[in-house]
Amino acid sequence: MAHSISAFQAAYISIEVLIALVSVPGNILVIWAVKMNQALRDATFCFIVSLAVADVAVGALVIPLAIIINIGPQTEFYTCLMVACPVLILTESSILALLAIAVDRYLRVKIPVRYKSVVTPRRAAVAIACCWIVSFLVGLTPMFGWNNLNKMQRTQELNSSHMDFIITCQFETVISMEYMVYFNFFVWVLPPLLLMLLIYLEVFNLIRKQLNKKVSSSSNDPQKYYGKELKIAKSLALVLFLFVLSWLPLHVLNCITLFCPSCQTPHILTYIAIFLTHGNSAMNPIVYAFRIKKFRTAFLQIWNQYFCCKTNKNATSTITAEAGN
């Protein structure tokens, strides 16, 4: 029997598709900018690329899977679990990329002279690889057994094997709230966010101390260096702030669901929280464009080289051909 889609679901799907249409091209543009611009090849921007890859995957993979889950098809338990896990992997990848960016900014202001010898491209690549490996381990933990299969089988008193266990696929049906709160949030989300807060506070403190120092005649204009670092640090701290603002509401709702089972959370709040988490993937390219000059320059270069000027050249060629005729 075909599953009919309500007007509310149609509105939900439309908003999700809109977010994906903004997120995917925007983050591909970020990756493209780093690839073509030599000025964006240091470690910080490599971590930003890792973050952009996760955001592209949110728009191209997680949002379509979220739409499928919202429709609630009848699937085998572990098939539904596989549909639910990618968002966990990509969320953790984003958090670890943000943590790597924060540590990188700290090293840039703490040891500016030795920074390039400490943070080499090879070490940055290893750090990115480690972030993704940890993200897969954390995000796939439900596949290893920490899920709701046993609870559902006990509730429904089924004697059939789990391979034959057909359910209506919903996120909370297969993902354990104990896993989401105790393991995902309390271990792999909240501590890294608090650590990043402390790192950025220390970064701003170090920069302000340097900017307050008198510039000696023998110095190589350190105020210019730290002034630039302050501006970039503010932009990346804004990216972190938007991530926290986007993801904390959903985790708070998960805590309410676990610790207060009798509390009725309005569905509209859940949907708003979901939109915020997915919408965060579309925010970062906008922040880079308005706040980081190197990205803004690279975006304009891409636009002029591959879109704007190409259109103008085609139009000019057409006019010339018509004039010749």
Foldseek 3Di string as FASTA:
>chain_A
DDQDDDPVLVVLLVLLLVLLVLLQVLLVLLVVLCVVDPVQPALLSVLVNQLSVLLNCCSVQLSVLQSLQVSFDKDQLVVLLVSQLSVQLSLLLNLLSLLVNLVLLLCCLPPVPCSPVVRDPVVSVVSSVVSNVVSCCLSCVLVVPQWCPVVVCVVVVDPDDSRPHIDRRHNPRTHPLCSLQVPSPVPRNVVSLVVSVVSLVVSVVSLVVVCPDDDDPPDPPVNVVSVLSVLVSVLSVVLSVLQCVLAVQLNVVSVCCVPPVPDDDDVVSNSSSVSSNSSSSSVSSVSCCVRPVSSVVSSVVCCCPPPDVVVVVVVVVVVVVVVVD
